[in-house]
Amino acid sequence: MDKAAEMLGPGVSIILLALPGAEGFYSKIGLTQTDAGFYRDRTHRS
């Protein structure tokens, strides 16, 4: 994550949507957990 943040620069946020049960992993690598996450799934799956 540090390398990605370095490459993207300070003006870019990194947002990950964890699968159920994987939340602990992201905390361990230094990400802040939030309950306010939303997304719209894709409709085309080919």
PDB file of N, CA and C in Angstrom:
ATOM      1  N   MET A   1       0.810  -1.179   0.000  1.00  0.00           N
ATOM      2  CA  MET A   1       0.000   0.000   0.000  1.00  0.00           C
ATOM      3  C   MET A   1       0.862   1.255   0.000  1.00  0.00           C
ATOM      4  N   ASP A   2       1.974   1.220   0.706  1.00  0.00           N
ATOM      5  CA  ASP A   2       2.851   2.394   0.739  1.00  0.00           C
ATOM      6  C   ASP A   2       3.365   2.720  -0.661  1.00  0.00           C
ATOM      7  N   LYS A   3       3.741   1.703  -1.421  1.00  0.00           N
ATOM      8  CA  LYS A   3       4.254   1.917  -2.774  1.00  0.00           C
ATOM      9  C   LYS A   3       3.157   2.487  -3.678  1.00  0.00           C
ATOM     10  N   ALA A   4       1.939   1.958  -3.564  1.00  0.00           N
ATOM     11  CA  ALA A   4       0.821   2.468  -4.368  1.00  0.00           C
ATOM     12  C   ALA A   4       0.554   3.931  -4.034  1.00  0.00           C
ATOM     13  N   ALA A   5       0.533   4.265  -2.745  1.00  0.00           N
ATOM     14  CA  ALA A   5       0.297   5.647  -2.326  1.00  0.00           C
ATOM     15  C   ALA A   5       1.408   6.567  -2.834  1.00  0.00           C
ATOM     16  N   GLU A   6       2.642   6.079  -2.798  1.00  0.00           N
ATOM     17  CA  GLU A   6       3.770   6.863  -3.295  1.00  0.00           C
ATOM     18  C   GLU A   6       3.628   7.117  -4.796  1.00  0.00           C
ATOM     19  N   MET A   7       3.249   6.092  -5.548  1.00  0.00           N
ATOM     20  CA  MET A   7       3.114   6.221  -6.991  1.00  0.00           C
ATOM     21  C   MET A   7       1.948   7.137  -7.374  1.00  0.00           C
ATOM     22  N   LEU A   8       0.852   7.065  -6.634  1.00  0.00           N
ATOM     23  CA  LEU A   8      -0.335   7.860  -6.955  1.00  0.00           C
ATOM     24  C   LEU A   8      -0.200   9.317  -6.532  1.00  0.00           C
ATOM     25  N   GLY A   9       0.555   9.543  -5.478  1.00  0.00           N
ATOM     26  CA  GLY A   9       0.765  10.909  -4.996  1.00  0.00           C
ATOM     27  C   GLY A   9      -0.207  11.291  -3.896  1.00  0.00           C
ATOM     28  N   PRO A  10       0.059  12.421  -3.233  1.00  0.00           N
ATOM     29  CA  PRO A  10      -0.712  12.818  -2.059  1.00  0.00           C
ATOM     30  C   PRO A  10      -2.125  13.316  -2.373  1.00  0.00           C
ATOM     31  N   GLY A  11      -2.433  13.573  -3.637  1.00  0.00           N
ATOM     32  CA  GLY A  11      -3.761  14.069  -3.985  1.00  0.00           C
ATOM     33  C   GLY A  11      -4.752  12.983  -4.330  1.00  0.00           C
ATOM     34  N   VAL A  12      -4.365  11.715  -4.166  1.00  0.00           N
ATOM     35  CA  VAL A  12      -5.226  10.594  -4.539  1.00  0.00           C
ATOM     36  C   VAL A  12      -5.516   9.738  -3.316  1.00  0.00           C
ATOM     37  N   SER A  13      -6.787   9.416  -3.110  1.00  0.00           N
ATOM     38  CA  SER A  13      -7.173   8.489  -2.043  1.00  0.00           C
ATOM     39  C   SER A  13      -7.191   7.073  -2.586  1.00  0.00           C
ATOM     40  N   ILE A  14      -6.997   6.116  -1.706  1.00  0.00           N
ATOM     41  CA  ILE A  14      -7.103   4.710  -2.077  1.00  0.00           C
ATOM     42  C   ILE A  14      -8.285   4.136  -1.313  1.00  0.00           C
ATOM     43  N   ILE A  15      -9.241   3.576  -2.035  1.00  0.00           N
ATOM     44  CA  ILE A  15     -10.440   3.016  -1.410  1.00  0.00           C
ATOM     45  C   ILE A  15     -10.538   1.548  -1.802  1.00  0.00           C
ATOM     46  N   LEU A  16     -10.671   0.689  -0.819  1.00  0.00           N
ATOM     47  CA  LEU A  16     -10.845  -0.740  -1.055  1.00  0.00           C
ATOM     48  C   LEU A  16     -12.140  -1.195  -0.410  1.00  0.00           C
ATOM     49  N   LEU A  17     -12.844  -2.075  -1.070  1.00  0.00           N
ATOM     50  CA  LEU A  17     -14.046  -2.673  -0.516  1.00  0.00           C
ATOM     51  C   LEU A  17     -13.695  -4.098  -0.122  1.00  0.00           C
ATOM     52  N   ALA A  18     -13.665  -4.360   1.175  1.00  0.00           N
ATOM     53  CA  ALA A  18     -13.258  -5.681   1.668  1.00  0.00           C
ATOM     54  C   ALA A  18     -14.408  -6.674   1.581  1.00  0.00           C
ATOM     55  N   LEU A  19     -14.089  -7.879   1.206  1.00  0.00           N
ATOM     56  CA  LEU A  19     -15.070  -8.945   1.264  1.00  0.00           C
ATOM     57  C   LEU A  19     -15.324  -9.298   2.725  1.00  0.00           C
ATOM     58  N   PRO A  20     -16.500  -9.803   3.037  1.00  0.00           N
ATOM     59  CA  PRO A  20     -16.772 -10.191   4.426  1.00  0.00           C
ATOM     60  C   PRO A  20     -15.693 -11.146   4.944  1.00  0.00           C
ATOM     61  N   GLY A  21     -15.180 -10.843   6.107  1.00  0.00           N
ATOM     62  CA  GLY A  21     -14.144 -11.664   6.716  1.00  0.00           C
ATOM     63  C   GLY A  21     -12.728 -11.189   6.430  1.00  0.00           C
ATOM     64  N   ALA A  22     -12.565 -10.275   5.476  1.00  0.00           N
ATOM     65  CA  ALA A  22     -11.225  -9.805   5.113  1.00  0.00           C
ATOM     66  C   ALA A  22     -10.889  -8.455   5.727  1.00  0.00           C
ATOM     67  N   GLU A  23     -11.777  -7.898   6.522  1.00  0.00           N
ATOM     68  CA  GLU A  23     -11.570  -6.568   7.074  1.00  0.00           C
ATOM     69  C   GLU A  23     -10.293  -6.465   7.900  1.00  0.00           C
ATOM     70  N   GLY A  24      -9.995  -7.488   8.671  1.00  0.00           N
ATOM     71  CA  GLY A  24      -8.806  -7.480   9.529  1.00  0.00           C
ATOM     72  C   GLY A  24      -7.517  -7.322   8.747  1.00  0.00           C
ATOM     73  N   PHE A  25      -7.469  -7.884   7.556  1.00  0.00           N
ATOM     74  CA  PHE A  25      -6.266  -7.793   6.727  1.00  0.00           C
ATOM     75  C   PHE A  25      -5.955  -6.342   6.399  1.00  0.00           C
ATOM     76  N   TYR A  26      -6.962  -5.591   5.996  1.00  0.00           N
ATOM     77  CA  TYR A  26      -6.736  -4.209   5.601  1.00  0.00           C
ATOM     78  C   TYR A  26      -6.338  -3.342   6.787  1.00  0.00           C
ATOM     79  N   SER A  27      -6.861  -3.634   7.951  1.00  0.00           N
ATOM     80  CA  SER A  27      -6.429  -2.916   9.153  1.00  0.00           C
ATOM     81  C   SER A  27      -4.954  -3.181   9.432  1.00  0.00           C
ATOM     82  N   LYS A  28      -4.528  -4.419   9.227  1.00  0.00           N
ATOM     83  CA  LYS A  28      -3.137  -4.784   9.492  1.00  0.00           C
ATOM     84  C   LYS A  28      -2.156  -4.083   8.560  1.00  0.00           C
ATOM     85  N   ILE A  29      -2.600  -3.725   7.357  1.00  0.00           N
ATOM     86  CA  ILE A  29      -1.683  -3.050   6.436  1.00  0.00           C
ATOM     87  C   ILE A  29      -1.829  -1.533   6.499  1.00  0.00           C
ATOM     88  N   GLY A  30      -2.552  -1.046   7.515  1.00  0.00           N
ATOM     89  CA  GLY A  30      -2.559   0.387   7.783  1.00  0.00           C
ATOM     90  C   GLY A  30      -3.718   1.190   7.243  1.00  0.00           C
ATOM     91  N   LEU A  31      -4.757   0.532   6.735  1.00  0.00           N
ATOM     92  CA  LEU A  31      -5.905   1.275   6.240  1.00  0.00           C
ATOM     93  C   LEU A  31      -6.893   1.546   7.364  1.00  0.00           C
ATOM     94  N   THR A  32      -7.623   2.639   7.245  1.00  0.00           N
ATOM     95  CA  THR A  32      -8.632   3.011   8.230  1.00  0.00           C
ATOM     96  C   THR A  32      -9.968   2.430   7.799  1.00  0.00           C
ATOM     97  N   GLN A  33     -10.648   1.760   8.713  1.00  0.00           N
ATOM     98  CA  GLN A  33     -11.943   1.156   8.402  1.00  0.00           C
ATOM     99  C   GLN A  33     -13.064   2.181   8.560  1.00  0.00           C
ATOM    100  N   THR A  34     -14.037   2.122   7.672  1.00  0.00           N
ATOM    101  CA  THR A  34     -15.197   3.000   7.737  1.00  0.00           C
ATOM    102  C   THR A  34     -16.464   2.197   7.466  1.00  0.00           C
ATOM    103  N   ASP A  35     -17.569   2.631   8.012  1.00  0.00           N
ATOM    104  CA  ASP A  35     -18.845   1.962   7.762  1.00  0.00           C
ATOM    105  C   ASP A  35     -19.597   2.610   6.603  1.00  0.00           C
ATOM    106  N   ALA A  36     -19.080   3.691   6.062  1.00  0.00           N
ATOM    107  CA  ALA A  36     -19.784   4.436   5.023  1.00  0.00           C
ATOM    108  C   ALA A  36     -19.229   4.104   3.644  1.00  0.00           C
ATOM    109  N   GLY A  37     -19.424   2.888   3.193  1.00  0.00           N
ATOM    110  CA  GLY A  37     -18.969   2.490   1.869  1.00  0.00           C
ATOM    111  C   GLY A  37     -20.154   2.103   0.993  1.00  0.00           C
ATOM    112  N   PHE A  38     -20.152   2.574  -0.238  1.00  0.00           N
ATOM    113  CA  PHE A  38     -21.242   2.292  -1.156  1.00  0.00           C
ATOM    114  C   PHE A  38     -20.674   1.995  -2.537  1.00  0.00           C
ATOM    115  N   TYR A  39     -21.375   1.165  -3.287  1.00  0.00           N
ATOM    116  CA  TYR A  39     -20.973   0.910  -4.660  1.00  0.00           C
ATOM    117  C   TYR A  39     -22.167   0.414  -5.454  1.00  0.00           C
ATOM    118  N   ARG A  40     -22.059   0.521  -6.755  1.00  0.00           N
ATOM    119  CA  ARG A  40     -23.053  -0.038  -7.659  1.00  0.00           C
ATOM    120  C   ARG A  40     -22.329  -1.077  -8.478  1.00  0.00           C
ATOM    121  N   ASP A  41     -22.813  -2.304  -8.430  1.00  0.00           N
ATOM    122  CA  ASP A  41     -22.157  -3.406  -9.121  1.00  0.00           C
ATOM    123  C   ASP A  41     -22.319  -3.266 -10.630  1.00  0.00           C
ATOM    124  N   ARG A  42     -21.403  -3.845 -11.352  1.00  0.00           N
ATOM    125  CA  ARG A  42     -21.493  -3.810 -12.804  1.00  0.00           C
ATOM    126  C   ARG A  42     -22.658  -4.686 -13.291  1.00  0.00           C
ATOM    127  N   THR A  43     -23.154  -4.405 -14.460  1.00  0.00           N
ATOM    128  CA  THR A  43     -24.269  -5.180 -14.996  1.00  0.00           C
ATOM    129  C   THR A  43     -23.820  -6.132 -16.094  1.00  0.00           C
ATOM    130  N   HIS A  44     -22.637  -5.932 -16.627  1.00  0.00           N
ATOM    131  CA  HIS A  44     -22.115  -6.789 -17.694  1.00  0.00           C
ATOM    132  C   HIS A  44     -21.005  -7.664 -17.122  1.00  0.00           C
ATOM    133  N   ARG A  45     -21.120  -8.952 -17.277  1.00  0.00           N
ATOM    134  CA  ARG A  45     -20.143  -9.876 -16.684  1.00  0.00           C
ATOM    135  C   ARG A  45     -19.609 -10.858 -17.721  1.00  0.00           C
ATOM    136  N   SER A  46     -18.878 -10.367 -18.721  1.00  0.00           N
ATOM    137  CA  SER A  46     -18.286 -11.295 -19.678  1.00  0.00           C
ATOM    138  C   SER A  46     -16.796 -11.205 -19.694  1.00  0.00           C
TER     139      SER A  46
END
